[in-house]
Amino acid sequence: MDCLVAVDGSEESENALAYAADIADAMDGSITVVYAVNPTAHDEGGDEPTVSLWDADQRLVLESIDDAEQRGLELLENAADFADELGHDVETELLYGNPVAAVTDFAEDDGFDTIFVGHRGRSERAGLMIGSVAKSIVERATVPVTVVR
């Protein structure tokens, strides 16, 4: 079983990686961890309060593709280190573009069997206004998706 895990630096994406590692171990499968660089998406604030450093980081405007790539590479390195702590080797891949399209297209094009993604569980009101990356991945993917909190 070839598993794809989309990470974003959140605790929930770490939970998704841990769950995927359990499944991959049970199924003698492999894991590829991806992060989508999307420097055109700027979130300069919003109505929801920040509840973590990750939320605060997400509200910073990215000024260059280099900054976005560097952040993505750091997140992938952290995910690989975490997977190593779990006793699992992973491949990593930096993707480009809208995270929903980039992750689902990569999963389909490279023949992955399943996608694991974390969901931060924003309020229902915020979810209705901004949507959820996890929800959009579920709707767009052509393979099964497991959403982990």
N, C-alpha and C. Protein backbone atom coordinates (compact mmCIF):
# COMPACT_ATOMS: atom_id res chain seq x y z
N MET A 1 0.84 -1.18 0.00
CA MET A 1 0.00 0.00 0.00
C MET A 1 0.89 1.23 0.00
N ASP A 2 0.70 2.10 -0.97
CA ASP A 2 1.43 3.36 -1.06
C ASP A 2 0.58 4.48 -0.47
N CYS A 3 1.06 5.05 0.63
CA CYS A 3 0.32 6.07 1.36
C CYS A 3 0.92 7.45 1.10
N LEU A 4 0.06 8.42 0.91
CA LEU A 4 0.47 9.81 0.75
C LEU A 4 -0.04 10.58 1.96
N VAL A 5 0.85 11.32 2.63
CA VAL A 5 0.47 12.11 3.79
C VAL A 5 0.76 13.57 3.48
N ALA A 6 -0.28 14.40 3.53
CA ALA A 6 -0.12 15.84 3.32
C ALA A 6 0.09 16.50 4.68
N VAL A 7 1.16 17.27 4.81
CA VAL A 7 1.46 17.94 6.07
C VAL A 7 1.42 19.45 5.90
N ASP A 8 1.17 20.12 7.03
CA ASP A 8 1.15 21.58 7.02
C ASP A 8 1.80 22.16 8.27
N GLY A 9 2.43 21.30 9.07
CA GLY A 9 3.08 21.78 10.28
C GLY A 9 2.20 21.76 11.51
N SER A 10 0.95 21.40 11.36
CA SER A 10 0.04 21.37 12.50
C SER A 10 0.15 20.06 13.27
N GLU A 11 -0.33 20.09 14.50
CA GLU A 11 -0.37 18.87 15.31
C GLU A 11 -1.23 17.81 14.63
N GLU A 12 -2.30 18.25 13.97
CA GLU A 12 -3.19 17.31 13.30
C GLU A 12 -2.51 16.61 12.12
N SER A 13 -1.66 17.32 11.40
CA SER A 13 -0.95 16.65 10.31
C SER A 13 0.08 15.67 10.86
N GLU A 14 0.65 15.98 12.02
CA GLU A 14 1.54 15.04 12.67
C GLU A 14 0.76 13.78 13.09
N ASN A 15 -0.46 13.99 13.60
CA ASN A 15 -1.32 12.86 13.96
C ASN A 15 -1.64 12.01 12.73
N ALA A 16 -1.86 12.67 11.60
CA ALA A 16 -2.15 11.94 10.35
C ALA A 16 -0.95 11.10 9.94
N LEU A 17 0.25 11.64 10.11
CA LEU A 17 1.47 10.90 9.77
C LEU A 17 1.64 9.69 10.69
N ALA A 18 1.39 9.88 11.98
CA ALA A 18 1.50 8.76 12.93
C ALA A 18 0.50 7.66 12.58
N TYR A 19 -0.72 8.05 12.24
CA TYR A 19 -1.74 7.07 11.88
C TYR A 19 -1.36 6.35 10.58
N ALA A 20 -0.87 7.10 9.61
CA ALA A 20 -0.44 6.50 8.34
C ALA A 20 0.71 5.52 8.57
N ALA A 21 1.61 5.85 9.50
CA ALA A 21 2.72 4.94 9.80
C ALA A 21 2.21 3.62 10.36
N ASP A 22 1.19 3.70 11.22
CA ASP A 22 0.58 2.47 11.77
C ASP A 22 -0.02 1.63 10.66
N ILE A 23 -0.75 2.27 9.76
CA ILE A 23 -1.40 1.55 8.66
C ILE A 23 -0.35 0.97 7.71
N ALA A 24 0.65 1.77 7.36
CA ALA A 24 1.69 1.31 6.45
C ALA A 24 2.45 0.12 7.04
N ASP A 25 2.72 0.18 8.34
CA ASP A 25 3.40 -0.94 8.99
C ASP A 25 2.55 -2.21 8.92
N ALA A 26 1.27 -2.06 9.19
CA ALA A 26 0.37 -3.22 9.18
C ALA A 26 0.20 -3.80 7.78
N MET A 27 0.30 -2.96 6.77
CA MET A 27 0.07 -3.39 5.39
C MET A 27 1.37 -3.55 4.60
N ASP A 28 2.52 -3.44 5.28
CA ASP A 28 3.82 -3.50 4.63
C ASP A 28 3.88 -2.47 3.48
N GLY A 29 3.46 -1.25 3.81
CA GLY A 29 3.37 -0.21 2.80
C GLY A 29 4.46 0.84 2.93
N SER A 30 4.40 1.80 2.04
CA SER A 30 5.35 2.91 2.02
C SER A 30 4.61 4.22 2.24
N ILE A 31 5.35 5.24 2.66
CA ILE A 31 4.77 6.56 2.90
C ILE A 31 5.57 7.61 2.16
N THR A 32 4.85 8.50 1.49
CA THR A 32 5.45 9.71 0.94
C THR A 32 4.75 10.89 1.61
N VAL A 33 5.54 11.80 2.15
CA VAL A 33 5.02 12.99 2.82
C VAL A 33 5.17 14.17 1.87
N VAL A 34 4.10 14.95 1.71
CA VAL A 34 4.13 16.09 0.81
C VAL A 34 3.72 17.38 1.52
N TYR A 35 4.24 18.46 1.01
CA TYR A 35 3.81 19.80 1.42
C TYR A 35 3.67 20.62 0.15
N ALA A 36 2.58 21.36 0.04
CA ALA A 36 2.34 22.16 -1.16
C ALA A 36 2.71 23.62 -0.90
N VAL A 37 3.67 24.11 -1.67
CA VAL A 37 4.07 25.51 -1.62
C VAL A 37 3.05 26.31 -2.43
N ASN A 38 2.42 27.26 -1.76
CA ASN A 38 1.41 28.08 -2.42
C ASN A 38 1.62 29.53 -2.01
N PRO A 39 2.68 30.17 -2.49
CA PRO A 39 3.00 31.52 -2.04
C PRO A 39 1.99 32.58 -2.49
N THR A 40 1.08 32.22 -3.37
CA THR A 40 0.09 33.21 -3.80
C THR A 40 -1.05 33.34 -2.81
N ALA A 41 -1.14 32.42 -1.85
CA ALA A 41 -2.23 32.47 -0.87
C ALA A 41 -1.76 33.25 0.35
N HIS A 42 -2.27 34.47 0.49
CA HIS A 42 -1.88 35.32 1.60
C HIS A 42 -3.06 35.47 2.55
N ASP A 43 -2.84 35.15 3.81
CA ASP A 43 -3.86 35.33 4.83
C ASP A 43 -3.32 36.36 5.80
N GLU A 44 -3.87 37.56 5.70
CA GLU A 44 -3.36 38.64 6.52
C GLU A 44 -4.15 38.81 7.80
N GLY A 45 -5.00 37.89 8.11
CA GLY A 45 -5.77 38.00 9.33
C GLY A 45 -7.05 37.23 9.20
N GLY A 46 -8.04 37.65 9.90
CA GLY A 46 -9.32 36.97 9.86
C GLY A 46 -10.07 37.15 11.16
N ASP A 47 -11.26 36.58 11.20
CA ASP A 47 -12.10 36.71 12.38
C ASP A 47 -11.75 35.72 13.47
N GLU A 48 -11.13 34.59 13.10
CA GLU A 48 -10.81 33.56 14.07
C GLU A 48 -9.56 33.95 14.85
N PRO A 49 -9.56 33.80 16.19
CA PRO A 49 -8.35 34.10 16.95
C PRO A 49 -7.29 33.05 16.70
N THR A 50 -6.03 33.44 16.81
CA THR A 50 -4.96 32.45 16.69
C THR A 50 -4.90 31.66 17.99
N VAL A 51 -4.76 30.36 17.87
CA VAL A 51 -4.71 29.51 19.06
C VAL A 51 -3.37 28.81 19.19
N SER A 52 -2.50 28.99 18.23
CA SER A 52 -1.19 28.35 18.30
C SER A 52 -0.19 29.17 17.48
N LEU A 53 1.08 28.84 17.66
CA LEU A 53 2.10 29.51 16.85
C LEU A 53 1.92 29.18 15.38
N TRP A 54 1.44 27.95 15.09
CA TRP A 54 1.21 27.57 13.71
C TRP A 54 0.17 28.48 13.08
N ASP A 55 -0.93 28.77 13.80
CA ASP A 55 -1.96 29.68 13.29
C ASP A 55 -1.36 31.06 13.03
N ALA A 56 -0.56 31.54 13.97
CA ALA A 56 0.06 32.85 13.81
C ALA A 56 0.97 32.87 12.60
N ASP A 57 1.75 31.80 12.41
CA ASP A 57 2.64 31.71 11.27
C ASP A 57 1.87 31.74 9.97
N GLN A 58 0.70 31.11 9.94
CA GLN A 58 -0.09 31.06 8.73
C GLN A 58 -0.64 32.42 8.34
N ARG A 59 -0.68 33.35 9.27
CA ARG A 59 -1.22 34.67 8.98
C ARG A 59 -0.16 35.64 8.46
N LEU A 60 1.06 35.19 8.40
CA LEU A 60 2.10 36.03 7.84
C LEU A 60 2.02 36.01 6.33
N VAL A 61 2.26 37.14 5.72
CA VAL A 61 2.27 37.22 4.27
C VAL A 61 3.62 36.71 3.78
N LEU A 62 3.59 35.75 2.89
CA LEU A 62 4.84 35.24 2.33
C LEU A 62 5.28 36.18 1.23
N GLU A 63 6.51 36.64 1.33
CA GLU A 63 6.98 37.65 0.39
C GLU A 63 7.67 37.08 -0.83
N SER A 64 8.09 35.82 -0.80
CA SER A 64 8.77 35.28 -1.96
C SER A 64 8.60 33.78 -2.04
N ILE A 65 8.79 33.22 -3.22
CA ILE A 65 8.73 31.78 -3.42
C ILE A 65 9.84 31.11 -2.62
N ASP A 66 10.99 31.79 -2.49
CA ASP A 66 12.10 31.22 -1.72
C ASP A 66 11.72 31.01 -0.26
N ASP A 67 11.01 31.99 0.32
CA ASP A 67 10.57 31.85 1.71
C ASP A 67 9.60 30.68 1.84
N ALA A 68 8.68 30.57 0.90
CA ALA A 68 7.69 29.50 0.94
C ALA A 68 8.35 28.14 0.76
N GLU A 69 9.30 28.05 -0.16
CA GLU A 69 10.02 26.79 -0.37
C GLU A 69 10.81 26.40 0.87
N GLN A 70 11.50 27.35 1.48
CA GLN A 70 12.29 27.07 2.66
C GLN A 70 11.41 26.56 3.79
N ARG A 71 10.27 27.19 4.00
CA ARG A 71 9.34 26.75 5.03
C ARG A 71 8.85 25.34 4.73
N GLY A 72 8.53 25.07 3.48
CA GLY A 72 8.08 23.74 3.08
C GLY A 72 9.13 22.67 3.31
N LEU A 73 10.37 22.98 2.95
CA LEU A 73 11.46 22.02 3.16
C LEU A 73 11.68 21.74 4.64
N GLU A 74 11.54 22.78 5.47
CA GLU A 74 11.68 22.58 6.91
C GLU A 74 10.56 21.70 7.45
N LEU A 75 9.34 21.93 6.98
CA LEU A 75 8.21 21.10 7.43
C LEU A 75 8.40 19.65 7.00
N LEU A 76 8.88 19.44 5.79
CA LEU A 76 9.11 18.07 5.32
C LEU A 76 10.22 17.40 6.12
N GLU A 77 11.28 18.15 6.43
CA GLU A 77 12.37 17.59 7.23
C GLU A 77 11.86 17.21 8.62
N ASN A 78 11.05 18.08 9.22
CA ASN A 78 10.48 17.78 10.53
C ASN A 78 9.60 16.54 10.47
N ALA A 79 8.81 16.41 9.41
CA ALA A 79 7.94 15.25 9.26
C ALA A 79 8.76 13.98 9.10
N ALA A 80 9.84 14.04 8.33
CA ALA A 80 10.71 12.88 8.14
C ALA A 80 11.37 12.48 9.45
N ASP A 81 11.78 13.47 10.24
CA ASP A 81 12.37 13.19 11.55
C ASP A 81 11.34 12.53 12.47
N PHE A 82 10.11 13.03 12.46
CA PHE A 82 9.05 12.45 13.28
C PHE A 82 8.77 11.01 12.85
N ALA A 83 8.71 10.77 11.55
CA ALA A 83 8.48 9.41 11.05
C ALA A 83 9.62 8.50 11.47
N ASP A 84 10.85 9.01 11.45
CA ASP A 84 12.00 8.22 11.88
C ASP A 84 11.87 7.83 13.35
N GLU A 85 11.38 8.77 14.18
CA GLU A 85 11.14 8.46 15.59
C GLU A 85 10.11 7.34 15.74
N LEU A 86 9.17 7.27 14.78
CA LEU A 86 8.15 6.22 14.80
C LEU A 86 8.68 4.92 14.21
N GLY A 87 9.93 4.95 13.74
CA GLY A 87 10.52 3.76 13.15
C GLY A 87 10.13 3.54 11.71
N HIS A 88 9.81 4.61 10.99
CA HIS A 88 9.36 4.48 9.61
C HIS A 88 10.14 5.43 8.71
N ASP A 89 10.70 4.91 7.62
CA ASP A 89 11.34 5.74 6.62
C ASP A 89 10.27 6.29 5.69
N VAL A 90 10.42 7.54 5.30
CA VAL A 90 9.47 8.15 4.37
C VAL A 90 10.21 8.85 3.25
N GLU A 91 9.56 8.97 2.12
CA GLU A 91 10.02 9.84 1.04
C GLU A 91 9.34 11.19 1.27
N THR A 92 9.94 12.26 0.79
CA THR A 92 9.31 13.58 0.89
C THR A 92 9.28 14.22 -0.49
N GLU A 93 8.28 15.06 -0.67
CA GLU A 93 8.12 15.73 -1.97
C GLU A 93 7.53 17.12 -1.74
N LEU A 94 8.18 18.13 -2.29
CA LEU A 94 7.68 19.49 -2.24
C LEU A 94 6.84 19.72 -3.50
N LEU A 95 5.57 20.04 -3.30
CA LEU A 95 4.67 20.29 -4.42
C LEU A 95 4.45 21.79 -4.57
N TYR A 96 3.89 22.20 -5.70
CA TYR A 96 3.66 23.62 -5.94
C TYR A 96 2.22 23.85 -6.38
N GLY A 97 1.62 24.93 -5.85
CA GLY A 97 0.29 25.32 -6.26
C GLY A 97 -0.73 25.17 -5.14
N ASN A 98 -1.98 25.29 -5.52
CA ASN A 98 -3.08 25.13 -4.57
C ASN A 98 -2.94 23.77 -3.90
N PRO A 99 -2.94 23.72 -2.56
CA PRO A 99 -2.71 22.44 -1.88
C PRO A 99 -3.71 21.35 -2.26
N VAL A 100 -4.96 21.69 -2.44
CA VAL A 100 -5.97 20.68 -2.78
C VAL A 100 -5.66 20.05 -4.13
N ALA A 101 -5.44 20.87 -5.14
CA ALA A 101 -5.15 20.35 -6.48
C ALA A 101 -3.79 19.65 -6.51
N ALA A 102 -2.79 20.25 -5.86
CA ALA A 102 -1.44 19.68 -5.90
C ALA A 102 -1.42 18.29 -5.26
N VAL A 103 -2.05 18.15 -4.10
CA VAL A 103 -2.04 16.86 -3.38
C VAL A 103 -2.83 15.81 -4.14
N THR A 104 -4.03 16.16 -4.57
CA THR A 104 -4.88 15.16 -5.24
C THR A 104 -4.32 14.79 -6.61
N ASP A 105 -3.78 15.74 -7.34
CA ASP A 105 -3.18 15.43 -8.64
C ASP A 105 -1.95 14.54 -8.47
N PHE A 106 -1.12 14.85 -7.48
CA PHE A 106 0.07 14.05 -7.22
C PHE A 106 -0.32 12.62 -6.85
N ALA A 107 -1.33 12.48 -6.00
CA ALA A 107 -1.79 11.15 -5.58
C ALA A 107 -2.26 10.34 -6.78
N GLU A 108 -3.02 10.97 -7.67
CA GLU A 108 -3.54 10.27 -8.84
C GLU A 108 -2.43 9.96 -9.84
N ASP A 109 -1.61 10.95 -10.14
CA ASP A 109 -0.56 10.78 -11.15
C ASP A 109 0.50 9.75 -10.75
N ASP A 110 0.77 9.66 -9.45
CA ASP A 110 1.83 8.75 -8.99
C ASP A 110 1.29 7.44 -8.43
N GLY A 111 -0.01 7.20 -8.57
CA GLY A 111 -0.60 5.91 -8.24
C GLY A 111 -0.67 5.57 -6.76
N PHE A 112 -0.87 6.56 -5.90
CA PHE A 112 -1.01 6.27 -4.48
C PHE A 112 -2.35 5.58 -4.22
N ASP A 113 -2.36 4.73 -3.19
CA ASP A 113 -3.56 3.99 -2.84
C ASP A 113 -4.48 4.78 -1.92
N THR A 114 -3.92 5.69 -1.14
CA THR A 114 -4.70 6.44 -0.16
C THR A 114 -3.98 7.72 0.24
N ILE A 115 -4.76 8.67 0.76
CA ILE A 115 -4.23 9.95 1.25
C ILE A 115 -4.62 10.08 2.72
N PHE A 116 -3.67 10.55 3.53
CA PHE A 116 -3.94 10.89 4.93
C PHE A 116 -3.73 12.39 5.08
N VAL A 117 -4.65 13.05 5.76
CA VAL A 117 -4.55 14.49 5.95
C VAL A 117 -5.10 14.85 7.33
N GLY A 118 -4.49 15.84 7.96
CA GLY A 118 -4.99 16.33 9.24
C GLY A 118 -6.06 17.37 9.03
N HIS A 119 -6.91 17.50 10.04
CA HIS A 119 -7.97 18.51 10.00
C HIS A 119 -7.96 19.24 11.33
N ARG A 120 -7.84 20.56 11.27
CA ARG A 120 -7.70 21.35 12.49
C ARG A 120 -9.01 21.61 13.20
N GLY A 121 -10.13 21.33 12.57
CA GLY A 121 -11.41 21.47 13.25
C GLY A 121 -11.76 22.90 13.59
N ARG A 122 -11.59 23.79 12.64
CA ARG A 122 -12.03 25.17 12.88
C ARG A 122 -13.51 25.18 13.16
N SER A 123 -13.98 26.29 13.63
CA SER A 123 -15.41 26.39 13.93
C SER A 123 -16.24 26.17 12.67
N GLU A 124 -17.47 25.76 12.85
CA GLU A 124 -18.35 25.51 11.70
C GLU A 124 -18.52 26.78 10.87
N ARG A 125 -18.64 27.92 11.53
CA ARG A 125 -18.81 29.20 10.82
C ARG A 125 -17.61 29.47 9.92
N ALA A 126 -16.40 29.31 10.47
CA ALA A 126 -15.19 29.54 9.67
C ALA A 126 -15.11 28.52 8.55
N GLY A 127 -15.47 27.29 8.84
CA GLY A 127 -15.43 26.24 7.82
C GLY A 127 -16.35 26.55 6.66
N LEU A 128 -17.50 27.12 6.95
CA LEU A 128 -18.43 27.47 5.88
C LEU A 128 -17.90 28.61 5.03
N MET A 129 -17.21 29.55 5.67
CA MET A 129 -16.72 30.71 4.94
C MET A 129 -15.47 30.40 4.14
N ILE A 130 -14.49 29.73 4.74
CA ILE A 130 -13.22 29.54 4.08
C ILE A 130 -13.03 28.13 3.54
N GLY A 131 -13.93 27.24 3.93
CA GLY A 131 -13.79 25.86 3.50
C GLY A 131 -12.67 25.18 4.25
N SER A 132 -12.49 23.95 4.01
CA SER A 132 -11.46 23.17 4.68
C SER A 132 -10.63 22.47 3.63
N VAL A 133 -9.33 22.56 3.76
CA VAL A 133 -8.46 21.87 2.81
C VAL A 133 -8.75 20.38 2.86
N ALA A 134 -8.88 19.83 4.07
CA ALA A 134 -9.17 18.40 4.20
C ALA A 134 -10.48 18.04 3.50
N LYS A 135 -11.50 18.82 3.72
CA LYS A 135 -12.81 18.57 3.09
C LYS A 135 -12.69 18.63 1.57
N SER A 136 -11.96 19.60 1.07
CA SER A 136 -11.79 19.75 -0.37
C SER A 136 -10.98 18.61 -0.96
N ILE A 137 -9.99 18.12 -0.21
CA ILE A 137 -9.22 16.97 -0.69
C ILE A 137 -10.12 15.75 -0.78
N VAL A 138 -10.97 15.55 0.24
CA VAL A 138 -11.92 14.43 0.21
C VAL A 138 -12.81 14.51 -1.02
N GLU A 139 -13.30 15.69 -1.32
CA GLU A 139 -14.22 15.88 -2.45
C GLU A 139 -13.53 15.71 -3.80
N ARG A 140 -12.24 16.04 -3.90
CA ARG A 140 -11.56 16.04 -5.20
C ARG A 140 -10.76 14.76 -5.47
N ALA A 141 -10.37 14.05 -4.43
CA ALA A 141 -9.49 12.90 -4.58
C ALA A 141 -10.17 11.75 -5.32
N THR A 142 -9.35 11.00 -6.05
CA THR A 142 -9.84 9.80 -6.75
C THR A 142 -9.46 8.53 -6.01
N VAL A 143 -8.82 8.69 -4.83
CA VAL A 143 -8.46 7.55 -3.99
C VAL A 143 -9.05 7.81 -2.60
N PRO A 144 -9.15 6.78 -1.75
CA PRO A 144 -9.68 7.00 -0.41
C PRO A 144 -8.83 7.98 0.39
N VAL A 145 -9.52 8.80 1.20
CA VAL A 145 -8.85 9.80 2.04
C VAL A 145 -9.24 9.54 3.49
N THR A 146 -8.23 9.53 4.37
CA THR A 146 -8.46 9.43 5.81
C THR A 146 -8.14 10.78 6.42
N VAL A 147 -9.12 11.37 7.12
CA VAL A 147 -8.96 12.65 7.77
C VAL A 147 -8.75 12.39 9.26
N VAL A 148 -7.65 12.92 9.80
CA VAL A 148 -7.26 12.66 11.19
C VAL A 148 -7.26 13.98 11.95
N ARG A 149 -7.78 13.95 13.18
CA ARG A 149 -7.76 15.14 14.02
C ARG A 149 -6.67 15.04 15.03
